[in-house]
C-alpha atoms as a PDB file:
ATOM      1  CA  MET A   1       0.608   3.080   1.661  1.00  0.00           C
ATOM      2  CA  GLU A   2       3.380   3.529   4.202  1.00  0.00           C
ATOM      3  CA  LEU A   3       6.929   3.066   3.618  1.00  0.00           C
ATOM      4  CA  GLU A   4       9.507   3.927   6.910  1.00  0.00           C
ATOM      5  CA  GLY A   5       6.618   5.508   8.738  1.00  0.00           C
ATOM      6  CA  VAL A   6       5.516   8.017   5.977  1.00  0.00           C
ATOM      7  CA  GLN A   7       2.344   7.653   4.305  1.00  0.00           C
ATOM      8  CA  TYR A   8       1.660   8.068   0.702  1.00  0.00           C
ATOM      9  CA  PRO A   9      -1.007   8.100  -1.665  1.00  0.00           C
ATOM     10  CA  LEU A  10      -1.112   5.255  -4.126  1.00  0.00           C
ATOM     11  CA  VAL A  11      -1.909   5.174  -7.735  1.00  0.00           C
ATOM     12  CA  TRP A  12      -2.965   1.546  -8.693  1.00  0.00           C
ATOM     13  CA  PRO A  13      -2.622   0.078 -11.981  1.00  0.00           C
ATOM     14  CA  ALA A  14      -5.725   0.634 -14.480  1.00  0.00           C
ATOM     15  CA  GLY A  15      -8.410  -1.570 -14.325  1.00  0.00           C
ATOM     16  CA  THR A  16      -8.066  -1.665 -10.290  1.00  0.00           C
ATOM     17  CA  ARG A  17     -11.366  -0.898  -8.531  1.00  0.00           C
ATOM     18  CA  TRP A  18     -12.642  -0.058  -5.105  1.00  0.00           C
ATOM     19  CA  GLN A  19     -15.214  -2.313  -3.015  1.00  0.00           C
ATOM     20  CA  GLU A  20     -16.846  -0.672  -0.104  1.00  0.00           C
ATOM     21  CA  ASP A  21     -18.266  -3.613   1.485  1.00  0.00           C
ATOM     22  CA  PRO A  22     -16.086  -5.411   2.774  1.00  0.00           C
ATOM     23  CA  THR A  23     -13.444  -2.863   2.066  1.00  0.00           C
ATOM     24  CA  VAL A  24     -11.119  -3.873  -0.326  1.00  0.00           C
ATOM     25  CA  VAL A  25      -9.117  -3.012  -3.360  1.00  0.00           C
ATOM     26  CA  VAL A  26      -9.939  -5.374  -6.031  1.00  0.00           C
ATOM     27  CA  LEU A  27      -7.350  -5.862  -8.809  1.00  0.00           C
ATOM     28  CA  GLU A  28      -7.901  -6.005 -12.396  1.00  0.00           C
ATOM     29  CA  ASP A  29      -7.685 -10.117 -12.196  1.00  0.00           C
ATOM     30  CA  GLY A  30     -10.200 -10.137  -9.397  1.00  0.00           C
ATOM     31  CA  GLU A  31      -7.403 -10.443  -6.493  1.00  0.00           C
ATOM     32  CA  LYS A  32      -8.540  -8.677  -3.434  1.00  0.00           C
ATOM     33  CA  VAL A  33      -5.912  -6.661  -1.390  1.00  0.00           C
ATOM     34  CA  GLU A  34      -7.405  -5.936   2.359  1.00  0.00           C
ATOM     35  CA  PRO A  35      -6.343  -3.148   4.200  1.00  0.00           C
ATOM     36  CA  GLY A  36      -3.189  -4.055   6.094  1.00  0.00           C
ATOM     37  CA  MET A  37      -1.996  -6.551   3.241  1.00  0.00           C
ATOM     38  CA  THR A  38       1.653  -6.282   1.745  1.00  0.00           C
ATOM     39  CA  VAL A  39       1.945  -5.510  -1.821  1.00  0.00           C
ATOM     40  CA  TYR A  40       4.869  -5.525  -4.321  1.00  0.00           C
ATOM     41  CA  GLY A  41       5.266  -4.184  -7.944  1.00  0.00           C
ATOM     42  CA  GLY A  42       7.179  -2.176 -10.108  1.00  0.00           C
ATOM     43  CA  GLY A  43       6.761   1.631  -9.503  1.00  0.00           C
ATOM     44  CA  GLY A  44       8.361   4.449  -7.485  1.00  0.00           C
ATOM     45  CA  TYR A  45       7.545   8.144  -6.332  1.00  0.00           C
ATOM     46  CA  LEU A  46       6.372  10.925  -8.476  1.00  0.00           C
ATOM     47  CA  TYR A  47       4.982  14.533  -7.434  1.00  0.00           C
ATOM     48  CA  ARG A  48       1.578  15.811  -8.987  1.00  0.00           C
ATOM     49  CA  ASP A  49       2.996  17.082 -12.250  1.00  0.00           C
ATOM     50  CA  HIS A  50       4.342  13.972 -13.072  1.00  0.00           C
ATOM     51  CA  ILE A  51       1.572  12.063 -12.141  1.00  0.00           C
ATOM     52  CA  GLU A  52      -0.970  14.159 -14.500  1.00  0.00           C
ATOM     53  CA  GLU A  53       1.493  13.653 -17.427  1.00  0.00           C
ATOM     54  CA  LEU A  54       0.734   9.792 -16.736  1.00  0.00           C
ATOM     55  CA  SER A  55      -2.640   9.354 -15.487  1.00  0.00           C
ATOM     56  CA  GLY A  56      -4.524  12.804 -15.952  1.00  0.00           C
ATOM     57  CA  SER A  57      -5.582  15.569 -13.983  1.00  0.00           C
ATOM     58  CA  ALA A  58      -8.393  13.844 -11.843  1.00  0.00           C
ATOM     59  CA  VAL A  59      -5.974  11.320 -10.764  1.00  0.00           C
ATOM     60  CA  ALA A  60      -3.542  13.871  -9.904  1.00  0.00           C
ATOM     61  CA  GLU A  61      -5.597  16.019  -7.880  1.00  0.00           C
ATOM     62  CA  ALA A  62      -7.255  13.322  -5.886  1.00  0.00           C
ATOM     63  CA  ALA A  63      -3.736  12.026  -5.018  1.00  0.00           C
ATOM     64  CA  GLU A  64      -2.412  15.349  -4.444  1.00  0.00           C
ATOM     65  CA  ARG A  65      -5.116  16.044  -1.826  1.00  0.00           C
ATOM     66  CA  CYS A  66      -4.052  13.016   0.307  1.00  0.00           C
ATOM     67  CA  ALA A  67      -0.040  13.648  -0.215  1.00  0.00           C
ATOM     68  CA  GLY A  68       1.707  14.052   2.737  1.00  0.00           C
ATOM     69  CA  PRO A  69       4.833  16.134   3.893  1.00  0.00           C
ATOM     70  CA  THR A  70       7.105  14.955   0.841  1.00  0.00           C
ATOM     71  CA  GLY A  71       4.329  15.792  -1.947  1.00  0.00           C
ATOM     72  CA  GLU A  72       5.199  12.411  -3.454  1.00  0.00           C
ATOM     73  CA  ILE A  73       2.892   9.961  -4.689  1.00  0.00           C
ATOM     74  CA  ALA A  74       3.453   6.317  -4.882  1.00  0.00           C
ATOM     75  CA  PHE A  75       2.443   4.538  -8.138  1.00  0.00           C
ATOM     76  CA  PHE A  76       2.534   1.212  -9.856  1.00  0.00           C
ATOM     77  CA  ASN A  77       3.878   1.186 -13.633  1.00  0.00           C
ATOM     78  CA  ILE A  78       1.238   0.637 -15.901  1.00  0.00           C
ATOM     79  CA  GLU A  79       2.133  -2.726 -16.595  1.00  0.00           C
ATOM     80  CA  SER A  80       3.424  -3.719 -13.501  1.00  0.00           C
ATOM     81  CA  GLU A  81       2.167  -6.952 -11.821  1.00  0.00           C
ATOM     82  CA  VAL A  82       0.896  -6.497  -8.479  1.00  0.00           C
ATOM     83  CA  ASP A  83       2.079  -9.274  -5.776  1.00  0.00           C
ATOM     84  CA  VAL A  84      -0.248  -9.601  -2.772  1.00  0.00           C
ATOM     85  CA  VAL A  85       1.174 -11.282   0.506  1.00  0.00           C
ATOM     86  CA  PRO A  86      -1.732 -12.506   2.690  1.00  0.00           C
ATOM     87  CA  ASN A  87      -1.951 -11.194   6.236  1.00  0.00           C
END
């Protein structure tokens, strides 16, 4: 995810999966998010320790490896609806 020129790893809501070919994120309802699309939903930015509390150590470790200079990780709230804006 990119905001104001800074890239953040993004923790998607439970039930979201990665599809390799073609490259998309598939939301729990089957909606596909292609690279470059804009998404909206409730959430925020947390550091690794907070992500671990919410999502477990495997998710926190993976997100931390991608964290940029701020160390922050973007996330959607567990029950957040994700709205997708087509390109």
